[in-house]
Amino acid sequence: MIYGKIWLVVKPSVGIPVFLGAVAVSSFAVHYALLTHTTWLPKYLNGNAQVMAAAPAAAAAAVATPDEPAKKK
């Protein structure tokens, strides 16, 4: 362990809960930011079938429709 000597300065009974608390708070902050700053994630989490089906259908339509061949003059 590279930073094993930190436990000589900080008690594990204090350091471990503080570290786990910081991880929990940062994880909550990231998830909150994703939910409030995106439009697709709340719809995906609610199971909106129209939104989830629209993207593959649009991609399939783009692939299935070939470009028009170039006209010769």
N, C-alpha and C. Protein backbone atom coordinates (compact mmCIF):
# COMPACT_ATOMS: atom_id res chain seq x y z
N MET A 1 0.85 -1.18 0.00
CA MET A 1 0.00 0.00 0.00
C MET A 1 0.89 1.24 0.00
N ILE A 2 0.69 2.09 -0.97
CA ILE A 2 1.56 3.25 -1.14
C ILE A 2 1.38 4.25 -0.01
N TYR A 3 0.15 4.53 0.36
CA TYR A 3 -0.12 5.57 1.36
C TYR A 3 -0.51 4.96 2.70
N GLY A 4 0.11 3.88 3.08
CA GLY A 4 -0.20 3.21 4.34
C GLY A 4 0.14 4.03 5.56
N LYS A 5 1.09 4.93 5.45
CA LYS A 5 1.51 5.73 6.61
C LYS A 5 0.49 6.81 6.97
N ILE A 6 -0.51 7.04 6.13
CA ILE A 6 -1.53 8.04 6.46
C ILE A 6 -2.26 7.64 7.72
N TRP A 7 -2.38 6.33 7.99
CA TRP A 7 -3.12 5.86 9.16
C TRP A 7 -2.32 6.08 10.45
N LEU A 8 -1.07 6.50 10.34
CA LEU A 8 -0.32 6.91 11.53
C LEU A 8 -0.71 8.32 11.95
N VAL A 9 -1.27 9.10 11.01
CA VAL A 9 -1.68 10.48 11.28
C VAL A 9 -3.19 10.55 11.52
N VAL A 10 -3.97 9.85 10.70
CA VAL A 10 -5.43 9.87 10.79
C VAL A 10 -5.89 8.50 11.28
N LYS A 11 -6.73 8.50 12.31
CA LYS A 11 -7.26 7.24 12.82
C LYS A 11 -8.17 6.60 11.77
N PRO A 12 -8.08 5.29 11.58
CA PRO A 12 -8.99 4.64 10.63
C PRO A 12 -10.46 4.79 11.01
N SER A 13 -10.75 4.92 12.29
CA SER A 13 -12.15 5.09 12.71
C SER A 13 -12.70 6.45 12.29
N VAL A 14 -11.83 7.39 11.94
CA VAL A 14 -12.26 8.70 11.44
C VAL A 14 -12.08 8.76 9.93
N GLY A 15 -10.95 8.29 9.43
CA GLY A 15 -10.61 8.43 8.01
C GLY A 15 -11.50 7.64 7.08
N ILE A 16 -11.84 6.41 7.46
CA ILE A 16 -12.65 5.56 6.57
C ILE A 16 -14.07 6.12 6.43
N PRO A 17 -14.77 6.49 7.51
CA PRO A 17 -16.10 7.09 7.31
C PRO A 17 -16.06 8.40 6.53
N VAL A 18 -15.04 9.21 6.75
CA VAL A 18 -14.93 10.47 5.99
C VAL A 18 -14.73 10.18 4.52
N PHE A 19 -13.88 9.22 4.19
CA PHE A 19 -13.64 8.85 2.80
C PHE A 19 -14.91 8.31 2.15
N LEU A 20 -15.59 7.39 2.83
CA LEU A 20 -16.82 6.82 2.27
C LEU A 20 -17.92 7.88 2.15
N GLY A 21 -17.97 8.80 3.10
CA GLY A 21 -18.94 9.89 3.02
C GLY A 21 -18.67 10.79 1.83
N ALA A 22 -17.39 11.07 1.58
CA ALA A 22 -17.04 11.91 0.42
C ALA A 22 -17.41 11.21 -0.89
N VAL A 23 -17.21 9.92 -0.96
CA VAL A 23 -17.59 9.16 -2.16
C VAL A 23 -19.10 9.21 -2.35
N ALA A 24 -19.85 9.03 -1.27
CA ALA A 24 -21.31 9.05 -1.37
C ALA A 24 -21.83 10.42 -1.79
N VAL A 25 -21.27 11.48 -1.22
CA VAL A 25 -21.72 12.83 -1.56
C VAL A 25 -21.39 13.17 -3.02
N SER A 26 -20.20 12.80 -3.47
CA SER A 26 -19.85 13.10 -4.86
C SER A 26 -20.68 12.27 -5.84
N SER A 27 -20.98 11.04 -5.50
CA SER A 27 -21.83 10.21 -6.36
C SER A 27 -23.24 10.81 -6.44
N PHE A 28 -23.77 11.23 -5.31
CA PHE A 28 -25.09 11.86 -5.31
C PHE A 28 -25.09 13.13 -6.16
N ALA A 29 -24.04 13.92 -6.04
CA ALA A 29 -23.95 15.17 -6.81
C ALA A 29 -23.91 14.90 -8.31
N VAL A 30 -23.17 13.89 -8.73
CA VAL A 30 -23.10 13.56 -10.16
C VAL A 30 -24.45 13.08 -10.67
N HIS A 31 -25.11 12.21 -9.92
CA HIS A 31 -26.41 11.71 -10.37
C HIS A 31 -27.47 12.83 -10.38
N TYR A 32 -27.43 13.69 -9.40
CA TYR A 32 -28.36 14.82 -9.37
C TYR A 32 -28.14 15.73 -10.58
N ALA A 33 -26.89 15.99 -10.90
CA ALA A 33 -26.58 16.84 -12.05
C ALA A 33 -27.06 16.20 -13.35
N LEU A 34 -26.90 14.91 -13.48
CA LEU A 34 -27.38 14.23 -14.69
C LEU A 34 -28.90 14.30 -14.80
N LEU A 35 -29.59 14.12 -13.70
CA LEU A 35 -31.05 14.16 -13.74
C LEU A 35 -31.59 15.55 -14.02
N THR A 36 -30.91 16.58 -13.54
CA THR A 36 -31.44 17.93 -13.71
C THR A 36 -30.95 18.62 -14.97
N HIS A 37 -29.88 18.14 -15.60
CA HIS A 37 -29.32 18.82 -16.76
C HIS A 37 -29.48 18.05 -18.07
N THR A 38 -30.15 16.91 -18.05
CA THR A 38 -30.40 16.18 -19.28
C THR A 38 -31.90 15.98 -19.43
N THR A 39 -32.34 15.79 -20.66
CA THR A 39 -33.76 15.52 -20.89
C THR A 39 -34.03 14.05 -21.13
N TRP A 40 -33.02 13.33 -21.59
CA TRP A 40 -33.24 11.94 -21.96
C TRP A 40 -33.16 10.99 -20.77
N LEU A 41 -32.39 11.29 -19.74
CA LEU A 41 -32.21 10.35 -18.63
C LEU A 41 -33.48 10.15 -17.81
N PRO A 42 -34.20 11.21 -17.43
CA PRO A 42 -35.45 10.96 -16.71
C PRO A 42 -36.46 10.14 -17.53
N LYS A 43 -36.52 10.41 -18.84
CA LYS A 43 -37.44 9.64 -19.68
C LYS A 43 -37.01 8.19 -19.76
N TYR A 44 -35.70 7.96 -19.84
CA TYR A 44 -35.19 6.59 -19.89
C TYR A 44 -35.48 5.85 -18.58
N LEU A 45 -35.29 6.52 -17.47
CA LEU A 45 -35.52 5.88 -16.17
C LEU A 45 -37.00 5.61 -15.92
N ASN A 46 -37.88 6.43 -16.50
CA ASN A 46 -39.32 6.21 -16.37
C ASN A 46 -39.81 5.13 -17.32
N GLY A 47 -38.98 4.70 -18.25
CA GLY A 47 -39.38 3.64 -19.18
C GLY A 47 -40.27 4.12 -20.29
N ASN A 48 -40.07 5.32 -20.77
CA ASN A 48 -40.87 5.87 -21.85
C ASN A 48 -40.53 5.10 -23.13
N ALA A 49 -41.45 4.26 -23.58
CA ALA A 49 -41.20 3.39 -24.72
C ALA A 49 -41.01 4.17 -26.02
N GLN A 50 -41.69 5.31 -26.16
CA GLN A 50 -41.56 6.08 -27.39
C GLN A 50 -40.15 6.64 -27.55
N VAL A 51 -39.58 7.12 -26.48
CA VAL A 51 -38.23 7.69 -26.56
C VAL A 51 -37.22 6.59 -26.81
N MET A 52 -37.40 5.46 -26.14
CA MET A 52 -36.43 4.37 -26.28
C MET A 52 -36.53 3.72 -27.66
N ALA A 53 -37.70 3.73 -28.27
CA ALA A 53 -37.87 3.10 -29.58
C ALA A 53 -37.57 4.06 -30.72
N ALA A 54 -37.59 5.35 -30.47
CA ALA A 54 -37.41 6.33 -31.54
C ALA A 54 -35.98 6.33 -32.07
N ALA A 55 -35.01 6.20 -31.22
CA ALA A 55 -33.61 6.26 -31.67
C ALA A 55 -33.25 5.07 -32.56
N PRO A 56 -33.54 3.83 -32.19
CA PRO A 56 -33.21 2.73 -33.09
C PRO A 56 -34.01 2.78 -34.40
N ALA A 57 -35.26 3.23 -34.35
CA ALA A 57 -36.07 3.32 -35.56
C ALA A 57 -35.49 4.36 -36.52
N ALA A 58 -35.06 5.49 -35.98
CA ALA A 58 -34.47 6.53 -36.83
C ALA A 58 -33.16 6.06 -37.43
N ALA A 59 -32.37 5.34 -36.67
CA ALA A 59 -31.10 4.83 -37.17
C ALA A 59 -31.34 3.77 -38.24
N ALA A 60 -32.33 2.92 -38.05
CA ALA A 60 -32.64 1.89 -39.04
C ALA A 60 -33.16 2.52 -40.33
N ALA A 61 -33.96 3.57 -40.23
CA ALA A 61 -34.48 4.25 -41.42
C ALA A 61 -33.35 4.90 -42.20
N ALA A 62 -32.38 5.44 -41.50
CA ALA A 62 -31.26 6.08 -42.19
C ALA A 62 -30.41 5.06 -42.92
N VAL A 63 -30.27 3.88 -42.36
CA VAL A 63 -29.47 2.83 -43.00
C VAL A 63 -30.24 2.20 -44.15
N ALA A 64 -31.55 2.03 -43.99
CA ALA A 64 -32.35 1.34 -45.00
C ALA A 64 -32.58 2.21 -46.23
N THR A 65 -32.49 3.51 -46.12
CA THR A 65 -32.73 4.39 -47.25
C THR A 65 -31.40 4.79 -47.87
N PRO A 66 -31.06 4.19 -49.01
CA PRO A 66 -29.79 4.56 -49.64
C PRO A 66 -29.89 5.93 -50.31
N ASP A 67 -28.77 6.56 -50.50
CA ASP A 67 -28.73 7.86 -51.18
C ASP A 67 -29.11 7.65 -52.65
N GLU A 68 -29.64 8.72 -53.25
CA GLU A 68 -29.98 8.64 -54.68
C GLU A 68 -28.71 8.56 -55.50
N PRO A 69 -28.71 7.76 -56.53
CA PRO A 69 -27.52 7.68 -57.37
C PRO A 69 -27.32 8.98 -58.12
N ALA A 70 -26.10 9.31 -58.39
CA ALA A 70 -25.78 10.55 -59.09
C ALA A 70 -26.28 10.46 -60.52
N LYS A 71 -26.89 11.55 -60.99
CA LYS A 71 -27.41 11.57 -62.35
C LYS A 71 -26.28 11.87 -63.31
N LYS A 72 -26.29 11.16 -64.44
CA LYS A 72 -25.28 11.40 -65.47
C LYS A 72 -25.81 12.45 -66.44
N LYS A 73 -24.92 13.29 -66.88
CA LYS A 73 -25.31 14.35 -67.84
C LYS A 73 -24.98 13.95 -69.24
